[in-house]
Amino acid sequence: MTTYTDEDRRILAYLYDSVSRGDRYFRSKQIADQLGLTAKQVGVRLPRLAEESEDIDIEKWSRAKSTTWRVTPG
């Protein structure tokens, strides 16, 4: 069983809500700005959440100046 931290739950809730509205591509900074976290706090959690989350698929999509994450319903 996966134990999520408060920050993990906030990130996942934001992603679930955004995906349900049709958004698919995110950057850590974008998520951080919406949740009052730092881009680093988000960026270190997304790879682990990508492995552990069963309800949505989180995929490292591209890397230019910062990593873009593609999120789709699971």
PDB file of N, CA and C in Angstrom:
ATOM      1  N   MET A   1       0.842  -1.183   0.000  1.00  0.00           N
ATOM      2  CA  MET A   1       0.000   0.000   0.000  1.00  0.00           C
ATOM      3  C   MET A   1       0.884   1.241   0.000  1.00  0.00           C
ATOM      4  N   THR A   2       0.542   2.198  -0.832  1.00  0.00           N
ATOM      5  CA  THR A   2       1.316   3.417  -0.961  1.00  0.00           C
ATOM      6  C   THR A   2       0.856   4.443   0.066  1.00  0.00           C
ATOM      7  N   THR A   3       1.811   5.041   0.740  1.00  0.00           N
ATOM      8  CA  THR A   3       1.513   6.109   1.673  1.00  0.00           C
ATOM      9  C   THR A   3       1.958   7.419   1.046  1.00  0.00           C
ATOM     10  N   TYR A   4       1.008   8.304   0.823  1.00  0.00           N
ATOM     11  CA  TYR A   4       1.315   9.600   0.223  1.00  0.00           C
ATOM     12  C   TYR A   4       1.452  10.664   1.300  1.00  0.00           C
ATOM     13  N   THR A   5       2.384  11.589   1.077  1.00  0.00           N
ATOM     14  CA  THR A   5       2.513  12.744   1.958  1.00  0.00           C
ATOM     15  C   THR A   5       1.428  13.752   1.594  1.00  0.00           C
ATOM     16  N   ASP A   6       1.280  14.781   2.409  1.00  0.00           N
ATOM     17  CA  ASP A   6       0.312  15.836   2.124  1.00  0.00           C
ATOM     18  C   ASP A   6       0.617  16.480   0.771  1.00  0.00           C
ATOM     19  N   GLU A   7       1.896  16.733   0.507  1.00  0.00           N
ATOM     20  CA  GLU A   7       2.272  17.341  -0.770  1.00  0.00           C
ATOM     21  C   GLU A   7       1.945  16.423  -1.943  1.00  0.00           C
ATOM     22  N   ASP A   8       2.192  15.122  -1.772  1.00  0.00           N
ATOM     23  CA  ASP A   8       1.846  14.150  -2.816  1.00  0.00           C
ATOM     24  C   ASP A   8       0.354  14.211  -3.120  1.00  0.00           C
ATOM     25  N   ARG A   9      -0.456  14.198  -2.071  1.00  0.00           N
ATOM     26  CA  ARG A   9      -1.908  14.226  -2.252  1.00  0.00           C
ATOM     27  C   ARG A   9      -2.364  15.508  -2.932  1.00  0.00           C
ATOM     28  N   ARG A  10      -1.738  16.625  -2.583  1.00  0.00           N
ATOM     29  CA  ARG A  10      -2.099  17.907  -3.210  1.00  0.00           C
ATOM     30  C   ARG A  10      -1.741  17.902  -4.689  1.00  0.00           C
ATOM     31  N   ILE A  11      -0.570  17.376  -5.013  1.00  0.00           N
ATOM     32  CA  ILE A  11      -0.141  17.304  -6.418  1.00  0.00           C
ATOM     33  C   ILE A  11      -1.087  16.393  -7.200  1.00  0.00           C
ATOM     34  N   LEU A  12      -1.376  15.229  -6.667  1.00  0.00           N
ATOM     35  CA  LEU A  12      -2.264  14.299  -7.353  1.00  0.00           C
ATOM     36  C   LEU A  12      -3.661  14.891  -7.532  1.00  0.00           C
ATOM     37  N   ALA A  13      -4.187  15.551  -6.513  1.00  0.00           N
ATOM     38  CA  ALA A  13      -5.513  16.163  -6.621  1.00  0.00           C
ATOM     39  C   ALA A  13      -5.515  17.230  -7.718  1.00  0.00           C
ATOM     40  N   TYR A  14      -4.453  18.026  -7.767  1.00  0.00           N
ATOM     41  CA  TYR A  14      -4.343  19.051  -8.813  1.00  0.00           C
ATOM     42  C   TYR A  14      -4.307  18.392 -10.196  1.00  0.00           C
ATOM     43  N   LEU A  15      -3.525  17.340 -10.336  1.00  0.00           N
ATOM     44  CA  LEU A  15      -3.423  16.660 -11.629  1.00  0.00           C
ATOM     45  C   LEU A  15      -4.745  16.001 -12.021  1.00  0.00           C
ATOM     46  N   TYR A  16      -5.421  15.323 -11.078  1.00  0.00           N
ATOM     47  CA  TYR A  16      -6.718  14.706 -11.369  1.00  0.00           C
ATOM     48  C   TYR A  16      -7.701  15.753 -11.876  1.00  0.00           C
ATOM     49  N   ASP A  17      -7.769  16.872 -11.153  1.00  0.00           N
ATOM     50  CA  ASP A  17      -8.701  17.945 -11.518  1.00  0.00           C
ATOM     51  C   ASP A  17      -8.367  18.510 -12.894  1.00  0.00           C
ATOM     52  N   SER A  18      -7.098  18.764 -13.134  1.00  0.00           N
ATOM     53  CA  SER A  18      -6.677  19.341 -14.414  1.00  0.00           C
ATOM     54  C   SER A  18      -6.930  18.389 -15.576  1.00  0.00           C
ATOM     55  N   VAL A  19      -6.647  17.109 -15.372  1.00  0.00           N
ATOM     56  CA  VAL A  19      -6.860  16.116 -16.424  1.00  0.00           C
ATOM     57  C   VAL A  19      -8.352  15.986 -16.733  1.00  0.00           C
ATOM     58  N   SER A  20      -9.187  16.070 -15.709  1.00  0.00           N
ATOM     59  CA  SER A  20     -10.626  15.965 -15.934  1.00  0.00           C
ATOM     60  C   SER A  20     -11.156  17.143 -16.746  1.00  0.00           C
ATOM     61  N   ARG A  21     -10.435  18.269 -16.721  1.00  0.00           N
ATOM     62  CA  ARG A  21     -10.802  19.441 -17.527  1.00  0.00           C
ATOM     63  C   ARG A  21     -10.164  19.404 -18.912  1.00  0.00           C
ATOM     64  N   GLY A  22      -9.352  18.392 -19.185  1.00  0.00           N
ATOM     65  CA  GLY A  22      -8.763  18.253 -20.505  1.00  0.00           C
ATOM     66  C   GLY A  22      -7.306  18.650 -20.619  1.00  0.00           C
ATOM     67  N   ASP A  23      -6.701  19.160 -19.556  1.00  0.00           N
ATOM     68  CA  ASP A  23      -5.277  19.500 -19.600  1.00  0.00           C
ATOM     69  C   ASP A  23      -4.465  18.212 -19.634  1.00  0.00           C
ATOM     70  N   ARG A  24      -3.344  18.245 -20.338  1.00  0.00           N
ATOM     71  CA  ARG A  24      -2.525  17.045 -20.457  1.00  0.00           C
ATOM     72  C   ARG A  24      -1.039  17.272 -20.192  1.00  0.00           C
ATOM     73  N   TYR A  25      -0.540  18.476 -20.388  1.00  0.00           N
ATOM     74  CA  TYR A  25       0.890  18.734 -20.283  1.00  0.00           C
ATOM     75  C   TYR A  25       1.161  19.750 -19.178  1.00  0.00           C
ATOM     76  N   PHE A  26       2.141  19.431 -18.336  1.00  0.00           N
ATOM     77  CA  PHE A  26       2.433  20.255 -17.173  1.00  0.00           C
ATOM     78  C   PHE A  26       3.942  20.393 -16.991  1.00  0.00           C
ATOM     79  N   ARG A  27       4.325  21.475 -16.371  1.00  0.00           N
ATOM     80  CA  ARG A  27       5.701  21.659 -15.920  1.00  0.00           C
ATOM     81  C   ARG A  27       5.658  21.773 -14.401  1.00  0.00           C
ATOM     82  N   SER A  28       6.729  21.378 -13.772  1.00  0.00           N
ATOM     83  CA  SER A  28       6.779  21.415 -12.305  1.00  0.00           C
ATOM     84  C   SER A  28       6.486  22.804 -11.778  1.00  0.00           C
ATOM     85  N   LYS A  29       7.026  23.821 -12.432  1.00  0.00           N
ATOM     86  CA  LYS A  29       6.812  25.199 -11.974  1.00  0.00           C
ATOM     87  C   LYS A  29       5.333  25.579 -12.031  1.00  0.00           C
ATOM     88  N   GLN A  30       4.651  25.155 -13.077  1.00  0.00           N
ATOM     89  CA  GLN A  30       3.225  25.449 -13.225  1.00  0.00           C
ATOM     90  C   GLN A  30       2.437  24.835 -12.059  1.00  0.00           C
ATOM     91  N   ILE A  31       2.717  23.591 -11.749  1.00  0.00           N
ATOM     92  CA  ILE A  31       2.041  22.918 -10.644  1.00  0.00           C
ATOM     93  C   ILE A  31       2.396  23.589  -9.320  1.00  0.00           C
ATOM     94  N   ALA A  32       3.678  23.872  -9.142  1.00  0.00           N
ATOM     95  CA  ALA A  32       4.152  24.496  -7.903  1.00  0.00           C
ATOM     96  C   ALA A  32       3.484  25.840  -7.667  1.00  0.00           C
ATOM     97  N   ASP A  33       3.378  26.644  -8.712  1.00  0.00           N
ATOM     98  CA  ASP A  33       2.753  27.968  -8.574  1.00  0.00           C
ATOM     99  C   ASP A  33       1.302  27.848  -8.122  1.00  0.00           C
ATOM    100  N   GLN A  34       0.598  26.850  -8.612  1.00  0.00           N
ATOM    101  CA  GLN A  34      -0.805  26.659  -8.242  1.00  0.00           C
ATOM    102  C   GLN A  34      -0.978  26.146  -6.814  1.00  0.00           C
ATOM    103  N   LEU A  35       0.029  25.429  -6.318  1.00  0.00           N
ATOM    104  CA  LEU A  35      -0.100  24.777  -5.011  1.00  0.00           C
ATOM    105  C   LEU A  35       0.704  25.432  -3.900  1.00  0.00           C
ATOM    106  N   GLY A  36       1.448  26.484  -4.229  1.00  0.00           N
ATOM    107  CA  GLY A  36       2.257  27.140  -3.204  1.00  0.00           C
ATOM    108  C   GLY A  36       3.472  26.324  -2.799  1.00  0.00           C
ATOM    109  N   LEU A  37       3.974  25.503  -3.712  1.00  0.00           N
ATOM    110  CA  LEU A  37       5.177  24.712  -3.480  1.00  0.00           C
ATOM    111  C   LEU A  37       6.288  25.252  -4.368  1.00  0.00           C
ATOM    112  N   THR A  38       7.478  24.697  -4.227  1.00  0.00           N
ATOM    113  CA  THR A  38       8.557  25.062  -5.136  1.00  0.00           C
ATOM    114  C   THR A  38       8.577  24.058  -6.288  1.00  0.00           C
ATOM    115  N   ALA A  39       9.166  24.483  -7.405  1.00  0.00           N
ATOM    116  CA  ALA A  39       9.283  23.587  -8.552  1.00  0.00           C
ATOM    117  C   ALA A  39      10.105  22.357  -8.180  1.00  0.00           C
ATOM    118  N   LYS A  40      11.081  22.533  -7.317  1.00  0.00           N
ATOM    119  CA  LYS A  40      11.900  21.393  -6.890  1.00  0.00           C
ATOM    120  C   LYS A  40      11.075  20.401  -6.072  1.00  0.00           C
ATOM    121  N   GLN A  41      10.223  20.899  -5.178  1.00  0.00           N
ATOM    122  CA  GLN A  41       9.366  20.015  -4.383  1.00  0.00           C
ATOM    123  C   GLN A  41       8.484  19.160  -5.295  1.00  0.00           C
ATOM    124  N   VAL A  42       7.960  19.768  -6.333  1.00  0.00           N
ATOM    125  CA  VAL A  42       7.104  19.048  -7.273  1.00  0.00           C
ATOM    126  C   VAL A  42       7.944  18.107  -8.131  1.00  0.00           C
ATOM    127  N   GLY A  43       9.056  18.612  -8.650  1.00  0.00           N
ATOM    128  CA  GLY A  43       9.888  17.840  -9.568  1.00  0.00           C
ATOM    129  C   GLY A  43      10.461  16.568  -8.982  1.00  0.00           C
ATOM    130  N   VAL A  44      10.773  16.572  -7.689  1.00  0.00           N
ATOM    131  CA  VAL A  44      11.314  15.349  -7.090  1.00  0.00           C
ATOM    132  C   VAL A  44      10.214  14.328  -6.795  1.00  0.00           C
ATOM    133  N   ARG A  45       8.976  14.785  -6.686  1.00  0.00           N
ATOM    134  CA  ARG A  45       7.879  13.871  -6.383  1.00  0.00           C
ATOM    135  C   ARG A  45       7.274  13.224  -7.630  1.00  0.00           C
ATOM    136  N   LEU A  46       7.274  13.930  -8.757  1.00  0.00           N
ATOM    137  CA  LEU A  46       6.583  13.422  -9.939  1.00  0.00           C
ATOM    138  C   LEU A  46       7.109  12.075 -10.434  1.00  0.00           C
ATOM    139  N   PRO A  47       8.423  11.824 -10.477  1.00  0.00           N
ATOM    140  CA  PRO A  47       8.865  10.497 -10.919  1.00  0.00           C
ATOM    141  C   PRO A  47       8.345   9.366 -10.023  1.00  0.00           C
ATOM    142  N   ARG A  48       8.330   9.594  -8.722  1.00  0.00           N
ATOM    143  CA  ARG A  48       7.826   8.567  -7.797  1.00  0.00           C
ATOM    144  C   ARG A  48       6.318   8.405  -7.951  1.00  0.00           C
ATOM    145  N   LEU A  49       5.609   9.525  -8.077  1.00  0.00           N
ATOM    146  CA  LEU A  49       4.160   9.446  -8.278  1.00  0.00           C
ATOM    147  C   LEU A  49       3.827   8.763  -9.596  1.00  0.00           C
ATOM    148  N   ALA A  50       4.680   8.941 -10.597  1.00  0.00           N
ATOM    149  CA  ALA A  50       4.480   8.275 -11.888  1.00  0.00           C
ATOM    150  C   ALA A  50       4.515   6.762 -11.720  1.00  0.00           C
ATOM    151  N   GLU A  51       5.374   6.282 -10.850  1.00  0.00           N
ATOM    152  CA  GLU A  51       5.482   4.840 -10.614  1.00  0.00           C
ATOM    153  C   GLU A  51       4.359   4.311  -9.734  1.00  0.00           C
ATOM    154  N   GLU A  52       3.915   5.109  -8.774  1.00  0.00           N
ATOM    155  CA  GLU A  52       2.991   4.620  -7.760  1.00  0.00           C
ATOM    156  C   GLU A  52       1.516   4.873  -8.047  1.00  0.00           C
ATOM    157  N   SER A  53       1.200   5.907  -8.794  1.00  0.00           N
ATOM    158  CA  SER A  53      -0.196   6.258  -9.029  1.00  0.00           C
ATOM    159  C   SER A  53      -0.840   5.286 -10.005  1.00  0.00           C
ATOM    160  N   GLU A  54      -2.008   4.797  -9.635  1.00  0.00           N
ATOM    161  CA  GLU A  54      -2.729   3.863 -10.488  1.00  0.00           C
ATOM    162  C   GLU A  54      -3.885   4.530 -11.226  1.00  0.00           C
ATOM    163  N   ASP A  55      -4.302   5.704 -10.745  1.00  0.00           N
ATOM    164  CA  ASP A  55      -5.480   6.362 -11.311  1.00  0.00           C
ATOM    165  C   ASP A  55      -5.161   7.260 -12.503  1.00  0.00           C
ATOM    166  N   ILE A  56      -3.941   7.752 -12.561  1.00  0.00           N
ATOM    167  CA  ILE A  56      -3.515   8.563 -13.696  1.00  0.00           C
ATOM    168  C   ILE A  56      -2.119   8.123 -14.111  1.00  0.00           C
ATOM    169  N   ASP A  57      -1.819   8.336 -15.377  1.00  0.00           N
ATOM    170  CA  ASP A  57      -0.492   8.022 -15.904  1.00  0.00           C
ATOM    171  C   ASP A  57       0.305   9.317 -16.020  1.00  0.00           C
ATOM    172  N   ILE A  58       1.474   9.334 -15.406  1.00  0.00           N
ATOM    173  CA  ILE A  58       2.365  10.484 -15.447  1.00  0.00           C
ATOM    174  C   ILE A  58       3.617  10.045 -16.182  1.00  0.00           C
ATOM    175  N   GLU A  59       3.925  10.747 -17.257  1.00  0.00           N
ATOM    176  CA  GLU A  59       5.041  10.352 -18.114  1.00  0.00           C
ATOM    177  C   GLU A  59       5.945  11.550 -18.383  1.00  0.00           C
ATOM    178  N   LYS A  60       7.239  11.346 -18.199  1.00  0.00           N
ATOM    179  CA  LYS A  60       8.194  12.387 -18.557  1.00  0.00           C
ATOM    180  C   LYS A  60       8.130  12.529 -20.070  1.00  0.00           C
ATOM    181  N   TRP A  61       7.768  13.707 -20.555  1.00  0.00           N
ATOM    182  CA  TRP A  61       7.463  13.871 -21.956  1.00  0.00           C
ATOM    183  C   TRP A  61       8.613  14.501 -22.732  1.00  0.00           C
ATOM    184  N   SER A  62       9.116  15.614 -22.271  1.00  0.00           N
ATOM    185  CA  SER A  62      10.231  16.260 -22.971  1.00  0.00           C
ATOM    186  C   SER A  62      11.008  17.113 -21.999  1.00  0.00           C
ATOM    187  N   ARG A  63      12.193  17.455 -22.422  1.00  0.00           N
ATOM    188  CA  ARG A  63      13.037  18.293 -21.580  1.00  0.00           C
ATOM    189  C   ARG A  63      13.669  19.357 -22.451  1.00  0.00           C
ATOM    190  N   ALA A  64      13.315  20.586 -22.206  1.00  0.00           N
ATOM    191  CA  ALA A  64      13.955  21.725 -22.869  1.00  0.00           C
ATOM    192  C   ALA A  64      14.628  22.507 -21.748  1.00  0.00           C
ATOM    193  N   LYS A  65      14.062  23.620 -21.368  1.00  0.00           N
ATOM    194  CA  LYS A  65      14.574  24.334 -20.194  1.00  0.00           C
ATOM    195  C   LYS A  65      14.153  23.616 -18.919  1.00  0.00           C
ATOM    196  N   SER A  66      12.975  23.036 -18.958  1.00  0.00           N
ATOM    197  CA  SER A  66      12.506  22.255 -17.817  1.00  0.00           C
ATOM    198  C   SER A  66      11.702  21.072 -18.345  1.00  0.00           C
ATOM    199  N   THR A  67      11.517  20.091 -17.519  1.00  0.00           N
ATOM    200  CA  THR A  67      10.822  18.882 -17.933  1.00  0.00           C
ATOM    201  C   THR A  67       9.333  19.139 -18.087  1.00  0.00           C
ATOM    202  N   THR A  68       8.773  18.631 -19.159  1.00  0.00           N
ATOM    203  CA  THR A  68       7.330  18.646 -19.350  1.00  0.00           C
ATOM    204  C   THR A  68       6.813  17.249 -19.047  1.00  0.00           C
ATOM    205  N   TRP A  69       5.719  17.192 -18.323  1.00  0.00           N
ATOM    206  CA  TRP A  69       5.107  15.921 -17.943  1.00  0.00           C
ATOM    207  C   TRP A  69       3.786  15.781 -18.661  1.00  0.00           C
ATOM    208  N   ARG A  70       3.546  14.619 -19.233  1.00  0.00           N
ATOM    209  CA  ARG A  70       2.279  14.311 -19.880  1.00  0.00           C
ATOM    210  C   ARG A  70       1.477  13.473 -18.898  1.00  0.00           C
ATOM    211  N   VAL A  71       0.265  13.933 -18.614  1.00  0.00           N
ATOM    212  CA  VAL A  71      -0.591  13.255 -17.635  1.00  0.00           C
ATOM    213  C   VAL A  71      -1.898  12.875 -18.318  1.00  0.00           C
ATOM    214  N   THR A  72      -2.268  11.613 -18.220  1.00  0.00           N
ATOM    215  CA  THR A  72      -3.496  11.104 -18.819  1.00  0.00           C
ATOM    216  C   THR A  72      -4.241  10.240 -17.807  1.00  0.00           C
ATOM    217  N   PRO A  73      -5.547  10.071 -18.004  1.00  0.00           N
ATOM    218  CA  PRO A  73      -6.285   9.190 -17.098  1.00  0.00           C
ATOM    219  C   PRO A  73      -5.726   7.775 -17.154  1.00  0.00           C
ATOM    220  N   GLY A  74      -5.690   7.109 -16.021  1.00  0.00           N
ATOM    221  CA  GLY A  74      -5.114   5.765 -15.930  1.00  0.00           C
ATOM    222  C   GLY A  74      -5.999   4.663 -16.357  1.00  0.00           C
TER     223      GLY A  74
END
